[in-house]
Amino acid sequence: MFVNHCTACDQKMLIFPSQVTGMAQIDGVTAMTYTCWCGSEQLWHNGTTGGQSEVAAKPAAKTAANAA
């Protein structure tokens, strides 16, 4: 569990492991996606300024043009 600030609802929330939807380490930066209690998908990362949250980007929808 950890406490984090949600950028969508502007609240500090306690985040449980069951809310984590993904985790990766890229170029030495740990990134984790989770769903806030308000339903917003958030991205947490430990970049150069410490732990930060931001709204997670949604994957682009597949269209007939890019599905092939």
N, C-alpha and C. Protein backbone atom coordinates (compact mmCIF):
# COMPACT_ATOMS: atom_id res chain seq x y z
N MET A 1 0.83 -1.18 0.00
CA MET A 1 0.00 0.00 0.00
C MET A 1 0.88 1.24 0.00
N PHE A 2 0.36 2.29 -0.63
CA PHE A 2 1.03 3.57 -0.57
C PHE A 2 0.00 4.68 -0.72
N VAL A 3 0.35 5.86 -0.26
CA VAL A 3 -0.51 7.03 -0.40
C VAL A 3 -0.02 7.81 -1.60
N ASN A 4 -0.95 8.22 -2.45
CA ASN A 4 -0.56 9.00 -3.62
C ASN A 4 -1.63 10.04 -3.94
N HIS A 5 -1.22 11.09 -4.62
CA HIS A 5 -2.12 12.16 -5.02
C HIS A 5 -2.66 11.87 -6.41
N CYS A 6 -3.98 11.85 -6.56
CA CYS A 6 -4.61 11.62 -7.86
C CYS A 6 -4.77 12.95 -8.57
N THR A 7 -4.31 13.02 -9.80
CA THR A 7 -4.41 14.26 -10.57
C THR A 7 -5.81 14.48 -11.12
N ALA A 8 -6.65 13.46 -11.14
CA ALA A 8 -8.01 13.61 -11.66
C ALA A 8 -8.97 14.14 -10.59
N CYS A 9 -8.94 13.53 -9.40
CA CYS A 9 -9.88 13.95 -8.34
C CYS A 9 -9.22 14.89 -7.34
N ASP A 10 -7.91 15.15 -7.47
CA ASP A 10 -7.16 16.07 -6.62
C ASP A 10 -7.23 15.67 -5.14
N GLN A 11 -7.17 14.35 -4.89
CA GLN A 11 -7.22 13.83 -3.53
C GLN A 11 -6.00 12.94 -3.26
N LYS A 12 -5.58 12.89 -1.99
CA LYS A 12 -4.58 11.91 -1.58
C LYS A 12 -5.35 10.65 -1.23
N MET A 13 -4.96 9.54 -1.85
CA MET A 13 -5.68 8.29 -1.66
C MET A 13 -4.71 7.18 -1.27
N LEU A 14 -5.19 6.24 -0.47
CA LEU A 14 -4.44 5.05 -0.14
C LEU A 14 -4.65 4.05 -1.27
N ILE A 15 -3.57 3.63 -1.93
CA ILE A 15 -3.64 2.72 -3.07
C ILE A 15 -3.22 1.32 -2.61
N PHE A 16 -4.06 0.34 -2.89
CA PHE A 16 -3.81 -1.05 -2.51
C PHE A 16 -3.24 -1.82 -3.70
N PRO A 17 -2.53 -2.93 -3.45
CA PRO A 17 -1.97 -3.72 -4.55
C PRO A 17 -3.01 -4.16 -5.57
N SER A 18 -4.23 -4.37 -5.15
CA SER A 18 -5.29 -4.80 -6.08
C SER A 18 -5.65 -3.71 -7.09
N GLN A 19 -5.25 -2.46 -6.84
CA GLN A 19 -5.53 -1.36 -7.76
C GLN A 19 -4.43 -1.18 -8.81
N VAL A 20 -3.29 -1.83 -8.62
CA VAL A 20 -2.17 -1.72 -9.56
C VAL A 20 -2.50 -2.51 -10.82
N THR A 21 -2.35 -1.87 -11.97
CA THR A 21 -2.69 -2.52 -13.24
C THR A 21 -1.46 -2.84 -14.09
N GLY A 22 -0.30 -2.31 -13.73
CA GLY A 22 0.92 -2.60 -14.48
C GLY A 22 2.13 -1.97 -13.82
N MET A 23 3.31 -2.55 -14.12
CA MET A 23 4.55 -2.04 -13.55
C MET A 23 5.69 -2.37 -14.50
N ALA A 24 6.64 -1.44 -14.63
CA ALA A 24 7.80 -1.66 -15.50
C ALA A 24 8.95 -0.79 -15.02
N GLN A 25 10.16 -1.19 -15.39
CA GLN A 25 11.34 -0.37 -15.14
C GLN A 25 11.99 -0.11 -16.49
N ILE A 26 12.10 1.17 -16.83
CA ILE A 26 12.63 1.57 -18.14
C ILE A 26 13.72 2.61 -17.91
N ASP A 27 14.91 2.33 -18.38
CA ASP A 27 16.05 3.24 -18.23
C ASP A 27 16.24 3.69 -16.79
N GLY A 28 16.08 2.77 -15.84
CA GLY A 28 16.30 3.08 -14.44
C GLY A 28 15.14 3.77 -13.74
N VAL A 29 14.05 4.03 -14.43
CA VAL A 29 12.88 4.67 -13.84
C VAL A 29 11.80 3.61 -13.65
N THR A 30 11.28 3.51 -12.43
CA THR A 30 10.20 2.58 -12.16
C THR A 30 8.87 3.29 -12.43
N ALA A 31 8.01 2.65 -13.22
CA ALA A 31 6.70 3.21 -13.56
C ALA A 31 5.63 2.20 -13.20
N MET A 32 4.50 2.71 -12.69
CA MET A 32 3.41 1.84 -12.29
C MET A 32 2.09 2.51 -12.65
N THR A 33 1.18 1.75 -13.24
CA THR A 33 -0.15 2.26 -13.50
C THR A 33 -1.09 1.65 -12.46
N TYR A 34 -2.06 2.46 -12.05
CA TYR A 34 -3.04 2.00 -11.08
C TYR A 34 -4.35 2.75 -11.32
N THR A 35 -5.42 2.20 -10.78
CA THR A 35 -6.73 2.83 -10.89
C THR A 35 -7.07 3.45 -9.54
N CYS A 36 -7.27 4.76 -9.55
CA CYS A 36 -7.64 5.49 -8.34
C CYS A 36 -9.05 5.07 -7.91
N TRP A 37 -9.39 5.39 -6.68
CA TRP A 37 -10.74 5.12 -6.18
C TRP A 37 -11.79 5.87 -6.98
N CYS A 38 -11.42 6.98 -7.61
CA CYS A 38 -12.38 7.75 -8.41
C CYS A 38 -12.60 7.13 -9.79
N GLY A 39 -11.79 6.10 -10.13
CA GLY A 39 -11.92 5.42 -11.42
C GLY A 39 -10.92 5.87 -12.47
N SER A 40 -10.13 6.90 -12.18
CA SER A 40 -9.14 7.41 -13.13
C SER A 40 -7.91 6.50 -13.16
N GLU A 41 -7.47 6.17 -14.36
CA GLU A 41 -6.24 5.40 -14.53
C GLU A 41 -5.07 6.38 -14.37
N GLN A 42 -4.16 6.08 -13.45
CA GLN A 42 -3.05 6.97 -13.13
C GLN A 42 -1.71 6.29 -13.41
N LEU A 43 -0.70 7.10 -13.65
CA LEU A 43 0.66 6.62 -13.86
C LEU A 43 1.54 7.23 -12.79
N TRP A 44 2.20 6.40 -12.00
CA TRP A 44 3.16 6.84 -11.00
C TRP A 44 4.54 6.48 -11.49
N HIS A 45 5.51 7.38 -11.30
CA HIS A 45 6.89 7.05 -11.66
C HIS A 45 7.84 7.77 -10.72
N ASN A 46 9.01 7.20 -10.54
CA ASN A 46 10.01 7.81 -9.66
C ASN A 46 11.06 8.51 -10.50
N GLY A 47 10.63 9.52 -11.22
CA GLY A 47 11.52 10.30 -12.09
C GLY A 47 12.50 11.12 -11.28
N THR A 48 13.10 12.10 -11.89
CA THR A 48 14.17 12.88 -11.27
C THR A 48 13.70 13.73 -10.11
N THR A 49 12.39 14.01 -10.01
CA THR A 49 11.90 14.84 -8.90
C THR A 49 11.21 14.00 -7.83
N GLY A 50 11.49 12.71 -7.80
CA GLY A 50 10.83 11.84 -6.83
C GLY A 50 9.55 11.26 -7.40
N GLY A 51 8.78 10.60 -6.57
CA GLY A 51 7.55 9.98 -7.04
C GLY A 51 6.54 10.99 -7.54
N GLN A 52 5.97 10.75 -8.69
CA GLN A 52 5.00 11.66 -9.29
C GLN A 52 3.84 10.85 -9.85
N SER A 53 2.66 11.48 -9.93
CA SER A 53 1.51 10.85 -10.57
C SER A 53 1.05 11.71 -11.72
N GLU A 54 0.46 11.08 -12.70
CA GLU A 54 -0.17 11.78 -13.81
C GLU A 54 -1.21 10.85 -14.40
N VAL A 55 -2.12 11.43 -15.15
CA VAL A 55 -3.14 10.61 -15.79
C VAL A 55 -2.46 9.72 -16.81
N ALA A 56 -2.77 8.43 -16.77
CA ALA A 56 -2.16 7.47 -17.69
C ALA A 56 -2.79 7.63 -19.08
N ALA A 57 -1.97 7.55 -20.10
CA ALA A 57 -2.46 7.63 -21.49
C ALA A 57 -3.21 6.37 -21.83
N LYS A 58 -4.32 6.53 -22.49
CA LYS A 58 -5.10 5.37 -22.92
C LYS A 58 -4.51 4.88 -24.24
N PRO A 59 -4.45 3.54 -24.46
CA PRO A 59 -3.93 3.03 -25.72
C PRO A 59 -4.85 3.45 -26.88
N ALA A 60 -4.25 3.70 -28.01
CA ALA A 60 -5.02 4.11 -29.19
C ALA A 60 -5.93 2.97 -29.64
N ALA A 61 -7.12 3.32 -30.03
CA ALA A 61 -8.08 2.31 -30.52
C ALA A 61 -7.62 1.81 -31.87
N LYS A 62 -7.80 0.52 -32.12
CA LYS A 62 -7.43 -0.05 -33.41
C LYS A 62 -8.48 0.34 -34.44
N THR A 63 -8.02 0.73 -35.58
CA THR A 63 -8.91 1.04 -36.70
C THR A 63 -8.58 0.07 -37.83
N ALA A 64 -9.40 0.08 -38.85
CA ALA A 64 -9.15 -0.79 -39.99
C ALA A 64 -7.81 -0.47 -40.65
N ALA A 65 -7.42 0.82 -40.61
CA ALA A 65 -6.18 1.26 -41.24
C ALA A 65 -4.96 0.70 -40.52
N ASN A 66 -4.97 0.71 -39.15
CA ASN A 66 -3.79 0.24 -38.46
C ASN A 66 -3.90 -1.17 -37.92
N ALA A 67 -4.99 -1.86 -38.21
CA ALA A 67 -5.16 -3.24 -37.76
C ALA A 67 -4.44 -4.23 -38.67
N ALA A 68 -4.13 -3.85 -39.87
CA ALA A 68 -3.49 -4.76 -40.82
C ALA A 68 -2.01 -4.89 -40.59
